[in-house]
Amino acid sequence: MYLLNLLRHFGQQHEVSAALAVENSLMIERVRELGVPFRTYSLSYRGVSSVSRQLAEWHRQCPFDVIHANGRRSQLFGSWLQRRTGLPMVGADADS
């Protein structure tokens, strides 16, 4: 719900997009309903380096200003992307 609320709020005044876990079909459906552009990636631990390269390429093609990552796995992928791009990252551990 947190991500959906952020997308709704910031989407009213800014261009927003999302990278979503392909494993989370419910979130994909909800973001699609909002009309927010998104890309999906597998959050397999074996694919961290590959996915971070894909996300960095997305950033080069369509620059964005911040990485938002909630949950441990998303934060792992976000931190790799942060190292590649130098972007600020915000978020929280979903278990906190």
N, C-alpha and C. Protein backbone atom coordinates (compact mmCIF):
# COMPACT_ATOMS: atom_id res chain seq x y z
N MET A 1 0.81 -1.20 0.00
CA MET A 1 0.00 0.00 0.00
C MET A 1 0.86 1.27 0.00
N TYR A 2 2.00 1.19 0.66
CA TYR A 2 2.86 2.36 0.75
C TYR A 2 3.29 2.84 -0.63
N LEU A 3 3.77 1.92 -1.45
CA LEU A 3 4.19 2.28 -2.81
C LEU A 3 3.04 2.85 -3.61
N LEU A 4 1.88 2.24 -3.52
CA LEU A 4 0.72 2.73 -4.27
C LEU A 4 0.36 4.15 -3.85
N ASN A 5 0.41 4.43 -2.56
CA ASN A 5 0.12 5.79 -2.08
C ASN A 5 1.15 6.79 -2.59
N LEU A 6 2.43 6.40 -2.59
CA LEU A 6 3.46 7.29 -3.13
C LEU A 6 3.24 7.57 -4.61
N LEU A 7 2.95 6.54 -5.37
CA LEU A 7 2.71 6.72 -6.80
C LEU A 7 1.51 7.61 -7.06
N ARG A 8 0.45 7.43 -6.29
CA ARG A 8 -0.74 8.30 -6.44
C ARG A 8 -0.38 9.75 -6.13
N HIS A 9 0.25 9.97 -5.00
CA HIS A 9 0.57 11.33 -4.55
C HIS A 9 1.54 12.03 -5.51
N PHE A 10 2.69 11.41 -5.75
CA PHE A 10 3.69 12.06 -6.59
C PHE A 10 3.29 12.08 -8.05
N GLY A 11 2.48 11.12 -8.46
CA GLY A 11 2.02 11.08 -9.85
C GLY A 11 1.12 12.24 -10.22
N GLN A 12 0.57 12.93 -9.23
CA GLN A 12 -0.27 14.09 -9.50
C GLN A 12 0.56 15.30 -9.93
N GLN A 13 1.82 15.36 -9.49
CA GLN A 13 2.64 16.53 -9.77
C GLN A 13 3.93 16.22 -10.53
N HIS A 14 4.28 14.94 -10.63
CA HIS A 14 5.55 14.56 -11.24
C HIS A 14 5.34 13.36 -12.15
N GLU A 15 6.27 13.17 -13.05
CA GLU A 15 6.27 11.97 -13.87
C GLU A 15 6.84 10.84 -13.01
N VAL A 16 6.11 9.78 -12.85
CA VAL A 16 6.57 8.66 -12.04
C VAL A 16 6.54 7.38 -12.86
N SER A 17 7.39 6.46 -12.49
CA SER A 17 7.39 5.12 -13.08
C SER A 17 7.87 4.17 -11.99
N ALA A 18 7.73 2.88 -12.24
CA ALA A 18 8.07 1.91 -11.21
C ALA A 18 8.76 0.70 -11.80
N ALA A 19 9.67 0.14 -11.04
CA ALA A 19 10.26 -1.16 -11.34
C ALA A 19 9.64 -2.11 -10.33
N LEU A 20 9.01 -3.14 -10.82
CA LEU A 20 8.27 -4.05 -9.94
C LEU A 20 8.80 -5.47 -10.05
N ALA A 21 8.67 -6.20 -8.95
CA ALA A 21 9.06 -7.61 -8.94
C ALA A 21 8.05 -8.41 -9.75
N VAL A 22 8.54 -9.14 -10.73
CA VAL A 22 7.66 -9.96 -11.56
C VAL A 22 6.92 -10.98 -10.69
N GLU A 23 7.49 -11.31 -9.55
CA GLU A 23 6.88 -12.27 -8.63
C GLU A 23 5.66 -11.70 -7.91
N ASN A 24 5.46 -10.38 -7.95
CA ASN A 24 4.37 -9.74 -7.22
C ASN A 24 3.25 -9.34 -8.18
N SER A 25 2.47 -10.31 -8.61
CA SER A 25 1.43 -10.06 -9.61
C SER A 25 0.36 -9.09 -9.10
N LEU A 26 0.06 -9.11 -7.81
CA LEU A 26 -0.95 -8.19 -7.27
C LEU A 26 -0.49 -6.74 -7.39
N MET A 27 0.79 -6.48 -7.07
CA MET A 27 1.31 -5.11 -7.19
C MET A 27 1.31 -4.67 -8.65
N ILE A 28 1.69 -5.56 -9.53
CA ILE A 28 1.68 -5.23 -10.97
C ILE A 28 0.27 -4.84 -11.40
N GLU A 29 -0.72 -5.59 -10.97
CA GLU A 29 -2.12 -5.28 -11.31
C GLU A 29 -2.53 -3.92 -10.77
N ARG A 30 -2.17 -3.63 -9.52
CA ARG A 30 -2.56 -2.35 -8.89
C ARG A 30 -1.88 -1.16 -9.57
N VAL A 31 -0.61 -1.31 -9.89
CA VAL A 31 0.11 -0.21 -10.55
C VAL A 31 -0.43 0.00 -11.95
N ARG A 32 -0.76 -1.07 -12.63
CA ARG A 32 -1.37 -0.98 -13.96
C ARG A 32 -2.68 -0.21 -13.87
N GLU A 33 -3.50 -0.49 -12.85
CA GLU A 33 -4.78 0.21 -12.65
C GLU A 33 -4.58 1.71 -12.44
N LEU A 34 -3.46 2.09 -11.82
CA LEU A 34 -3.16 3.51 -11.62
C LEU A 34 -2.73 4.19 -12.92
N GLY A 35 -2.36 3.40 -13.90
CA GLY A 35 -1.88 3.97 -15.16
C GLY A 35 -0.44 4.43 -15.11
N VAL A 36 0.30 3.94 -14.13
CA VAL A 36 1.70 4.31 -13.98
C VAL A 36 2.55 3.39 -14.85
N PRO A 37 3.46 3.96 -15.65
CA PRO A 37 4.34 3.10 -16.44
C PRO A 37 5.27 2.31 -15.53
N PHE A 38 5.52 1.06 -15.89
CA PHE A 38 6.38 0.23 -15.06
C PHE A 38 7.11 -0.79 -15.91
N ARG A 39 8.16 -1.33 -15.32
CA ARG A 39 8.91 -2.45 -15.89
C ARG A 39 8.97 -3.51 -14.81
N THR A 40 9.07 -4.76 -15.23
CA THR A 40 9.15 -5.83 -14.25
C THR A 40 10.52 -6.52 -14.34
N TYR A 41 10.98 -6.95 -13.19
CA TYR A 41 12.26 -7.64 -13.07
C TYR A 41 12.10 -8.76 -12.05
N SER A 42 12.83 -9.82 -12.26
CA SER A 42 12.84 -10.91 -11.29
C SER A 42 13.79 -10.55 -10.15
N LEU A 43 13.35 -10.73 -8.93
CA LEU A 43 14.19 -10.43 -7.78
C LEU A 43 14.87 -11.68 -7.24
N SER A 44 15.33 -12.51 -8.15
CA SER A 44 16.12 -13.68 -7.77
C SER A 44 17.49 -13.21 -7.31
N TYR A 45 17.95 -13.73 -6.19
CA TYR A 45 19.26 -13.33 -5.69
C TYR A 45 20.37 -13.63 -6.70
N ARG A 46 20.21 -14.66 -7.50
CA ARG A 46 21.22 -14.99 -8.50
C ARG A 46 21.31 -13.94 -9.60
N GLY A 47 20.26 -13.11 -9.75
CA GLY A 47 20.24 -12.14 -10.82
C GLY A 47 20.53 -10.72 -10.41
N VAL A 48 21.04 -10.50 -9.20
CA VAL A 48 21.23 -9.13 -8.70
C VAL A 48 22.09 -8.29 -9.64
N SER A 49 23.22 -8.79 -10.04
CA SER A 49 24.12 -8.02 -10.89
C SER A 49 23.49 -7.74 -12.26
N SER A 50 22.88 -8.75 -12.85
CA SER A 50 22.24 -8.59 -14.16
C SER A 50 21.09 -7.59 -14.10
N VAL A 51 20.23 -7.73 -13.11
CA VAL A 51 19.08 -6.83 -12.98
C VAL A 51 19.55 -5.41 -12.69
N SER A 52 20.58 -5.25 -11.87
CA SER A 52 21.06 -3.90 -11.58
C SER A 52 21.60 -3.25 -12.85
N ARG A 53 22.23 -4.03 -13.73
CA ARG A 53 22.68 -3.49 -15.02
C ARG A 53 21.49 -3.06 -15.87
N GLN A 54 20.43 -3.89 -15.89
CA GLN A 54 19.23 -3.55 -16.65
C GLN A 54 18.57 -2.28 -16.11
N LEU A 55 18.52 -2.16 -14.79
CA LEU A 55 17.94 -0.96 -14.18
C LEU A 55 18.79 0.27 -14.50
N ALA A 56 20.10 0.12 -14.45
CA ALA A 56 20.99 1.25 -14.79
C ALA A 56 20.80 1.66 -16.24
N GLU A 57 20.60 0.70 -17.14
CA GLU A 57 20.34 1.02 -18.54
C GLU A 57 19.01 1.77 -18.68
N TRP A 58 18.01 1.34 -17.93
CA TRP A 58 16.71 2.03 -17.92
C TRP A 58 16.93 3.48 -17.48
N HIS A 59 17.74 3.67 -16.44
CA HIS A 59 18.02 5.02 -15.95
C HIS A 59 18.70 5.86 -17.02
N ARG A 60 19.60 5.28 -17.78
CA ARG A 60 20.26 6.02 -18.87
C ARG A 60 19.26 6.42 -19.95
N GLN A 61 18.32 5.54 -20.26
CA GLN A 61 17.32 5.80 -21.30
C GLN A 61 16.25 6.78 -20.83
N CYS A 62 15.81 6.64 -19.60
CA CYS A 62 14.73 7.45 -19.03
C CYS A 62 15.16 7.89 -17.63
N PRO A 63 15.96 8.94 -17.53
CA PRO A 63 16.53 9.32 -16.24
C PRO A 63 15.47 9.53 -15.16
N PHE A 64 15.77 9.03 -13.99
CA PHE A 64 14.93 9.26 -12.81
C PHE A 64 15.81 9.78 -11.70
N ASP A 65 15.18 10.32 -10.65
CA ASP A 65 15.91 11.07 -9.63
C ASP A 65 16.16 10.34 -8.33
N VAL A 66 15.39 9.31 -8.06
CA VAL A 66 15.52 8.66 -6.76
C VAL A 66 15.15 7.18 -6.88
N ILE A 67 15.78 6.38 -6.04
CA ILE A 67 15.46 4.96 -5.93
C ILE A 67 14.67 4.79 -4.64
N HIS A 68 13.49 4.21 -4.74
CA HIS A 68 12.69 3.90 -3.55
C HIS A 68 12.62 2.38 -3.44
N ALA A 69 13.06 1.84 -2.32
CA ALA A 69 13.08 0.38 -2.16
C ALA A 69 12.56 0.02 -0.77
N ASN A 70 11.48 -0.74 -0.74
CA ASN A 70 10.93 -1.23 0.52
C ASN A 70 11.15 -2.72 0.61
N GLY A 71 11.69 -3.17 1.70
CA GLY A 71 11.93 -4.59 1.90
C GLY A 71 13.38 -4.93 1.62
N ARG A 72 13.83 -5.98 2.25
CA ARG A 72 15.25 -6.35 2.17
C ARG A 72 15.72 -6.67 0.76
N ARG A 73 14.95 -7.45 0.05
CA ARG A 73 15.38 -7.84 -1.29
C ARG A 73 15.40 -6.63 -2.22
N SER A 74 14.37 -5.80 -2.16
CA SER A 74 14.34 -4.59 -2.99
C SER A 74 15.50 -3.66 -2.64
N GLN A 75 15.83 -3.59 -1.36
CA GLN A 75 16.94 -2.74 -0.95
C GLN A 75 18.27 -3.27 -1.46
N LEU A 76 18.41 -4.58 -1.54
CA LEU A 76 19.63 -5.16 -2.10
C LEU A 76 19.79 -4.73 -3.56
N PHE A 77 18.72 -4.89 -4.34
CA PHE A 77 18.76 -4.49 -5.75
C PHE A 77 18.96 -2.97 -5.86
N GLY A 78 18.27 -2.22 -5.01
CA GLY A 78 18.40 -0.76 -5.03
C GLY A 78 19.81 -0.30 -4.69
N SER A 79 20.45 -0.98 -3.75
CA SER A 79 21.82 -0.57 -3.38
C SER A 79 22.80 -0.84 -4.52
N TRP A 80 22.61 -1.92 -5.27
CA TRP A 80 23.45 -2.18 -6.43
C TRP A 80 23.22 -1.11 -7.49
N LEU A 81 21.95 -0.73 -7.69
CA LEU A 81 21.65 0.32 -8.65
C LEU A 81 22.23 1.65 -8.18
N GLN A 82 22.14 1.92 -6.91
CA GLN A 82 22.70 3.15 -6.35
C GLN A 82 24.21 3.22 -6.61
N ARG A 83 24.91 2.12 -6.44
CA ARG A 83 26.36 2.09 -6.71
C ARG A 83 26.66 2.38 -8.18
N ARG A 84 25.79 1.91 -9.06
CA ARG A 84 26.02 2.10 -10.51
C ARG A 84 25.69 3.52 -10.96
N THR A 85 24.72 4.17 -10.29
CA THR A 85 24.21 5.46 -10.78
C THR A 85 24.53 6.65 -9.88
N GLY A 86 24.79 6.41 -8.59
CA GLY A 86 25.00 7.50 -7.65
C GLY A 86 23.71 8.16 -7.18
N LEU A 87 22.56 7.58 -7.56
CA LEU A 87 21.26 8.15 -7.15
C LEU A 87 21.03 7.96 -5.66
N PRO A 88 20.27 8.87 -5.04
CA PRO A 88 19.89 8.65 -3.65
C PRO A 88 18.86 7.53 -3.56
N MET A 89 18.89 6.80 -2.44
CA MET A 89 17.92 5.71 -2.24
C MET A 89 17.21 5.93 -0.92
N VAL A 90 15.90 5.78 -0.94
CA VAL A 90 15.09 5.87 0.27
C VAL A 90 14.25 4.60 0.37
N GLY A 91 13.81 4.31 1.56
CA GLY A 91 12.96 3.14 1.76
C GLY A 91 13.13 2.63 3.17
N ALA A 92 12.47 1.53 3.43
CA ALA A 92 12.51 0.95 4.76
C ALA A 92 12.43 -0.55 4.65
N ASP A 93 12.90 -1.21 5.67
CA ASP A 93 12.78 -2.65 5.76
C ASP A 93 11.32 -2.95 6.04
N ALA A 94 10.68 -3.73 5.20
CA ALA A 94 9.26 -4.04 5.35
C ALA A 94 8.98 -4.79 6.65
N ASP A 95 10.02 -5.39 7.26
CA ASP A 95 9.83 -6.12 8.51
C ASP A 95 9.93 -5.22 9.73
N SER A 96 10.31 -3.96 9.54
CA SER A 96 10.49 -3.03 10.68
C SER A 96 9.17 -2.54 11.20
